[in-house]
Protein backbone atom coordinates (compact mmCIF):
# COMPACT_ATOMS: atom_id res chain seq x y z
CA MET A 1 -4.96 -31.91 36.93
CA PHE A 2 -3.22 -29.10 38.75
CA ASN A 3 -2.55 -29.30 42.50
CA LEU A 4 -2.41 -26.82 45.40
CA GLU A 5 1.37 -26.57 45.24
CA GLN A 6 1.16 -25.41 41.63
CA LEU A 7 -1.55 -22.87 42.55
CA ARG A 8 0.57 -21.42 45.37
CA SER A 9 3.54 -21.19 43.00
CA PHE A 10 1.42 -19.45 40.37
CA VAL A 11 -0.04 -16.92 42.83
CA ALA A 12 3.42 -16.09 44.23
CA VAL A 13 4.85 -15.43 40.76
CA ALA A 14 1.73 -13.48 39.72
CA GLU A 15 1.97 -11.22 42.77
CA HIS A 16 5.71 -10.59 42.49
CA LEU A 17 5.97 -10.81 38.67
CA HIS A 18 9.45 -12.07 39.40
CA PHE A 19 10.49 -15.73 39.63
CA GLY A 20 13.43 -15.08 41.92
CA ARG A 21 11.45 -13.16 44.56
CA ALA A 22 8.57 -15.65 44.32
CA ALA A 23 10.98 -18.54 44.87
CA GLN A 24 12.41 -16.75 47.90
CA GLU A 25 8.93 -16.30 49.39
CA LEU A 26 8.15 -19.98 48.82
CA GLN A 27 11.53 -20.98 50.28
CA MET A 28 12.58 -22.90 47.18
CA THR A 29 14.99 -22.44 44.31
CA GLN A 30 13.97 -20.91 41.00
CA PRO A 31 14.29 -23.99 38.68
CA PRO A 32 11.65 -26.14 40.48
CA LEU A 33 9.38 -23.08 40.64
CA SER A 34 9.66 -22.64 36.89
CA ARG A 35 8.83 -26.32 36.40
CA GLN A 36 5.70 -25.96 38.57
CA ILE A 37 4.48 -23.10 36.38
CA GLN A 38 5.24 -25.03 33.20
CA LYS A 39 3.28 -28.06 34.49
CA LEU A 40 0.36 -25.83 35.42
CA GLU A 41 0.28 -24.20 31.99
CA ALA A 42 0.47 -27.64 30.38
CA ASP A 43 -2.45 -28.88 32.50
CA LEU A 44 -4.57 -25.84 31.65
CA GLY A 45 -3.50 -25.74 28.02
CA VAL A 46 -2.90 -21.97 28.14
CA GLN A 47 -0.01 -19.60 28.67
CA LEU A 48 -0.31 -17.77 31.99
CA PHE A 49 2.79 -15.56 31.78
CA GLU A 50 4.58 -13.63 29.09
CA ARG A 51 8.29 -14.01 29.81
CA THR A 52 11.18 -11.99 28.46
CA LYS A 53 14.67 -11.48 29.80
CA ARG A 54 13.60 -8.20 31.36
CA ARG A 55 10.04 -8.76 32.57
CA VAL A 56 7.33 -11.19 33.54
CA ALA A 57 3.69 -10.27 32.89
CA LEU A 58 0.35 -12.03 33.22
CA THR A 59 -1.52 -12.91 30.07
CA ALA A 60 -5.26 -12.27 29.83
CA ALA A 61 -5.84 -15.92 30.76
CA GLY A 62 -3.39 -15.52 33.64
CA ASN A 63 -5.34 -12.57 35.07
CA VAL A 64 -8.58 -14.55 35.01
CA PHE A 65 -6.95 -17.61 36.55
CA LEU A 66 -5.30 -15.57 39.33
CA GLU A 67 -8.66 -14.56 40.77
CA ARG A 68 -9.88 -18.16 40.75
CA ALA A 69 -6.63 -19.54 42.14
CA ARG A 70 -6.84 -17.17 45.10
CA ARG A 71 -10.43 -18.29 45.78
CA ILE A 72 -9.43 -21.95 45.69
CA LEU A 73 -6.57 -21.38 48.12
CA VAL A 74 -8.76 -19.38 50.52
CA MET A 75 -11.49 -22.02 50.34
CA THR A 76 -8.94 -24.75 50.96
CA GLU A 77 -7.58 -23.00 54.05
CA ARG A 78 -11.06 -22.37 55.42
CA SER A 79 -11.97 -26.00 54.87
CA ARG A 80 -8.81 -27.05 56.64
CA GLU A 81 -9.65 -24.80 59.61
CA ALA A 82 -13.25 -26.05 59.67
CA VAL A 83 -12.19 -29.70 59.71
CA ARG A 84 -9.63 -29.05 62.44
CA GLY A 85 -12.28 -27.16 64.43
CA VAL A 86 -14.68 -30.10 64.23
CA ALA A 87 -11.97 -32.56 65.25
CA LEU A 88 -11.08 -30.37 68.25
CA GLY A 89 -14.73 -29.89 69.21
CA GLU A 90 -14.59 -26.16 68.46
CA ALA A 91 -17.05 -26.42 65.56
CA GLY A 92 -19.74 -28.82 64.47
CA ARG A 93 -23.22 -29.39 65.90
CA LEU A 94 -24.44 -29.98 69.46
CA THR A 95 -28.01 -31.12 70.09
CA ILE A 96 -29.31 -30.31 73.58
CA GLY A 97 -32.47 -31.77 75.04
CA PHE A 98 -34.26 -29.97 77.85
CA THR A 99 -37.40 -30.20 79.94
CA ALA A 100 -39.83 -27.29 80.14
CA SER A 101 -38.91 -26.68 83.78
CA SER A 102 -35.15 -26.67 83.06
CA ALA A 103 -35.75 -23.73 80.72
CA LEU A 104 -36.65 -21.69 83.82
CA SER A 105 -33.33 -22.22 85.55
CA VAL A 106 -30.51 -24.03 83.76
CA LEU A 107 -30.95 -23.75 80.00
CA GLY A 108 -30.24 -20.03 79.60
CA PRO A 109 -26.96 -19.90 81.56
CA LEU A 110 -25.80 -23.15 79.95
CA LEU A 111 -26.40 -21.84 76.43
CA GLU A 112 -24.66 -18.58 77.30
CA ARG A 113 -21.52 -20.34 78.51
CA VAL A 114 -21.31 -22.89 75.72
CA SER A 115 -22.03 -20.32 72.98
CA ALA A 116 -19.39 -17.94 74.35
CA ALA A 117 -16.75 -20.70 74.54
CA LEU A 118 -17.67 -22.36 71.21
CA PRO A 119 -18.89 -19.57 68.89
CA ASP A 120 -18.39 -21.73 65.78
CA ALA A 121 -20.54 -24.59 67.06
CA ALA A 122 -24.18 -24.85 65.93
CA ILE A 123 -26.59 -25.66 68.77
CA ASP A 124 -29.95 -27.39 68.25
CA LEU A 125 -32.57 -27.46 71.02
CA ARG A 126 -35.20 -30.15 71.56
CA GLU A 127 -37.81 -29.90 74.29
CA ARG A 128 -38.47 -33.39 75.68
CA VAL A 129 -39.50 -35.02 78.96
CA SER A 130 -36.64 -36.72 80.79
CA GLY A 131 -37.50 -40.29 79.74
CA THR A 132 -37.65 -39.37 76.05
CA GLN A 133 -34.32 -37.55 76.30
CA LEU A 134 -32.60 -40.64 77.69
CA VAL A 135 -33.90 -42.75 74.81
CA GLU A 136 -32.71 -40.19 72.25
CA ILE A 137 -29.30 -39.90 73.93
CA GLU A 138 -28.91 -43.67 73.56
CA ARG A 139 -29.88 -43.40 69.89
CA GLY A 140 -27.46 -40.53 69.32
CA SER A 141 -30.10 -37.99 68.26
CA ILE A 142 -29.47 -35.90 71.41
CA ASP A 143 -25.93 -35.21 72.62
CA LEU A 144 -26.59 -33.56 75.97
CA GLY A 145 -29.78 -33.79 78.01
CA LEU A 146 -31.05 -31.61 80.86
CA VAL A 147 -33.14 -34.04 82.86
CA ARG A 148 -34.85 -34.55 86.20
CA THR A 149 -34.66 -38.35 86.21
CA VAL A 150 -31.04 -39.53 86.47
CA PRO A 151 -30.18 -42.90 84.86
CA SER A 152 -28.28 -45.57 86.80
CA ASP A 153 -26.88 -47.15 83.63
CA PRO A 154 -23.06 -46.65 83.64
CA SER A 155 -23.12 -46.00 79.89
CA PHE A 156 -24.47 -42.53 80.76
CA GLY A 157 -22.41 -39.70 82.16
CA VAL A 158 -24.19 -37.54 84.74
CA ARG A 159 -23.46 -34.20 86.37
CA GLU A 160 -25.84 -32.37 88.69
CA LEU A 161 -26.23 -28.75 87.59
CA PHE A 162 -28.96 -27.29 89.75
CA ARG A 163 -30.83 -27.99 92.99
CA GLU A 164 -33.85 -26.15 94.36
CA ASP A 165 -36.72 -26.53 96.80
CA LEU A 166 -40.32 -27.29 96.07
CA VAL A 167 -42.66 -24.52 97.17
CA VAL A 168 -46.41 -24.35 97.61
CA ALA A 169 -48.42 -22.60 94.89
CA LEU A 170 -51.71 -21.24 96.26
CA PRO A 171 -54.57 -19.26 94.71
CA ASP A 172 -54.53 -15.62 95.78
CA GLY A 173 -56.84 -15.25 98.76
CA HIS A 174 -56.35 -18.84 99.92
CA PRO A 175 -56.30 -19.14 103.74
CA LEU A 176 -52.70 -20.45 103.66
CA ALA A 177 -51.67 -17.58 101.39
CA LYS A 178 -53.04 -15.02 103.82
CA ALA A 179 -51.02 -16.49 106.69
CA GLU A 180 -47.71 -15.33 105.12
CA ARG A 181 -45.68 -18.15 106.60
CA ALA A 182 -44.38 -21.56 105.52
CA CYS A 183 -46.93 -24.33 105.05
CA ARG A 184 -46.84 -27.66 106.87
CA VAL A 185 -47.76 -30.88 105.07
CA ASP A 186 -50.67 -31.54 107.44
CA GLN A 187 -52.10 -28.17 106.46
CA LEU A 188 -51.84 -28.92 102.73
CA SER A 189 -53.59 -32.28 102.95
CA ALA A 190 -56.80 -30.51 103.92
CA TYR A 191 -57.14 -28.99 100.45
CA PRO A 192 -57.50 -30.40 96.93
CA VAL A 193 -54.12 -30.80 95.18
CA ILE A 194 -53.22 -30.43 91.51
CA GLY A 195 -50.94 -33.43 90.95
CA TYR A 196 -48.40 -34.50 88.36
CA ALA A 197 -49.46 -36.93 85.64
CA MET A 198 -47.70 -40.19 84.87
CA PRO A 199 -45.60 -41.09 82.97
CA ASP A 200 -44.44 -37.74 81.58
CA SER A 201 -43.99 -36.15 85.03
CA GLU A 202 -42.88 -39.25 86.92
CA TYR A 203 -40.03 -37.46 88.70
CA PHE A 204 -42.32 -34.86 90.30
CA TYR A 205 -45.08 -37.42 90.83
CA ARG A 206 -42.75 -39.57 92.96
CA ARG A 207 -41.55 -36.58 95.01
CA VAL A 208 -45.06 -35.42 95.80
CA GLU A 209 -46.08 -38.96 96.72
CA GLN A 210 -43.15 -39.12 99.17
CA ILE A 211 -44.07 -35.81 100.76
CA PHE A 212 -47.72 -36.83 101.27
CA ALA A 213 -46.89 -40.47 102.06
CA GLU A 214 -48.46 -40.37 105.54
CA ARG A 215 -51.37 -38.11 104.58
CA ARG A 216 -54.57 -38.74 102.74
CA VAL A 217 -54.64 -36.32 99.81
CA ARG A 218 -57.45 -35.54 97.43
CA TYR A 219 -56.10 -34.92 93.94
CA ALA A 220 -58.40 -32.62 91.97
CA TYR A 221 -56.56 -33.03 88.64
CA SER A 222 -53.25 -34.29 87.31
CA VAL A 223 -51.27 -32.50 84.57
CA SER A 224 -47.84 -32.85 82.97
CA GLN A 225 -46.69 -29.24 82.61
CA ILE A 226 -45.99 -26.77 85.41
CA LEU A 227 -47.49 -23.92 83.41
CA SER A 228 -50.79 -25.82 83.18
CA MET A 229 -50.60 -26.57 86.90
CA LEU A 230 -50.14 -22.90 87.81
CA SER A 231 -53.01 -21.91 85.54
CA MET A 232 -55.30 -24.33 87.39
CA VAL A 233 -54.07 -23.04 90.75
CA SER A 234 -54.78 -19.50 89.61
CA SER A 235 -58.32 -20.55 88.69
CA GLY A 236 -58.88 -21.96 92.17
CA PHE A 237 -58.97 -25.68 91.34
CA GLY A 238 -56.45 -26.57 94.02
CA ILE A 239 -52.97 -26.06 95.42
CA ALA A 240 -49.70 -27.50 94.03
CA LEU A 241 -46.08 -28.21 94.82
CA VAL A 242 -43.81 -26.67 92.19
CA PRO A 243 -40.07 -25.89 91.85
CA ARG A 244 -39.09 -22.51 93.27
CA SER A 245 -37.97 -21.42 89.79
CA ALA A 246 -41.63 -21.59 88.68
CA LYS A 247 -42.03 -18.16 90.27
CA LYS A 248 -40.29 -16.80 87.18
CA MET A 249 -43.46 -17.53 85.21
CA ARG A 250 -45.18 -14.71 87.15
CA THR A 251 -48.59 -16.35 86.83
CA GLU A 252 -51.32 -13.94 87.93
CA GLY A 253 -53.49 -15.07 90.78
CA VAL A 254 -50.86 -17.35 92.36
CA THR A 255 -49.13 -16.85 95.72
CA TYR A 256 -46.11 -18.91 96.78
CA ARG A 257 -45.20 -20.12 100.24
CA ASP A 258 -42.26 -22.20 101.47
CA LEU A 259 -42.87 -25.83 102.37
CA LEU A 260 -42.05 -26.78 105.96
CA LEU A 261 -40.94 -30.38 106.46
CA PRO A 262 -39.33 -32.26 109.36
CA PRO A 263 -35.50 -32.24 109.16
CA ASN A 264 -35.39 -35.93 108.19
CA MET A 265 -37.58 -35.17 105.14
CA ALA A 266 -35.95 -31.93 103.99
CA SER A 267 -34.15 -33.53 101.05
CA THR A 268 -37.47 -34.94 99.80
CA ALA A 269 -38.60 -31.42 98.95
CA GLN A 270 -35.49 -30.71 96.87
CA VAL A 271 -35.47 -31.33 93.13
CA THR A 272 -32.51 -31.37 90.77
CA ILE A 273 -31.61 -30.87 87.13
CA SER A 274 -28.69 -32.87 85.79
CA ALA A 275 -26.73 -32.93 82.56
CA VAL A 276 -26.71 -36.41 81.02
CA TRP A 277 -24.78 -37.71 78.02
CA SER A 278 -23.59 -40.97 76.49
CA ASN A 279 -20.10 -42.00 77.54
CA GLU A 280 -19.76 -43.58 74.10
CA SER A 281 -20.48 -40.37 72.15
CA GLN A 282 -18.14 -39.69 69.23
CA ASN A 283 -19.12 -36.01 68.96
CA PRO A 284 -16.08 -33.84 69.84
CA VAL A 285 -18.32 -30.80 70.41
CA LEU A 286 -20.04 -32.60 73.28
CA TRP A 287 -16.77 -33.20 75.08
CA ARG A 288 -15.68 -29.57 74.61
CA ALA A 289 -19.06 -28.41 75.93
CA LEU A 290 -18.69 -30.67 78.97
CA SER A 291 -15.24 -29.22 79.65
CA VAL A 292 -16.81 -25.74 79.58
CA LEU A 293 -19.43 -26.85 82.12
CA GLN A 294 -16.71 -28.40 84.27
CA GLU A 295 -14.78 -25.11 84.30
CA SER A 296 -17.87 -23.15 85.30
């Protein structure tokens, strides 16, 4: 069977129609070039060139084979570049997990940066709660997760990407909305609260529990998604504590006010989104993506 060296020799001679100039281009002498062409013709069982002392010309079979030889060489080079790109993390596939709330703040800028730096990489997105993402990262079905709950297991790599305050979501016309000032916790505990459901929203559930730790709170309902929570607030079922980025949802009938806490509790009202990955990942694209995030 013919090899790539024979194909390159054939194409060079076919383009120059001169063995001497073709040999010069290939940086070899003419005798081994002639032997390469003879081997190729023997493998194919056809004559590719008509040779005389004065000229070299392609046969009909040679013309047909030239087109195919060029395609094979181009395909080979592209395959070589693709394989190198995957090995360097410049191509391949990156699967990113994200929570619904991270789509409001982190996901868009992250995708923009990674896509711009790695245009040949395919990116898959999977919306999952934080706990499910961590399980899938361990299994290898997600490469990079955008999570609220940060694992303590050293087999995970973690980098905080975003931090924001919790704010109070109030129905339009609510007494605290009319006041146009920050709300104290003791004021909030007088009204029914839309809470976060376990286990899917454990991160927010724990934060809200900390904030109301010394207050008796009446939870009207508990839901897992912020969009559902804002819809219930809009309908007047209660008030809620949501990330500041939830304002981007522009839910009608909802007014937002800052949450006022004592200085020693200020950090309790801050929530984060972190990038999480497996330190044992063998996906080169992941490591290139992480280097992009590090640079930005």
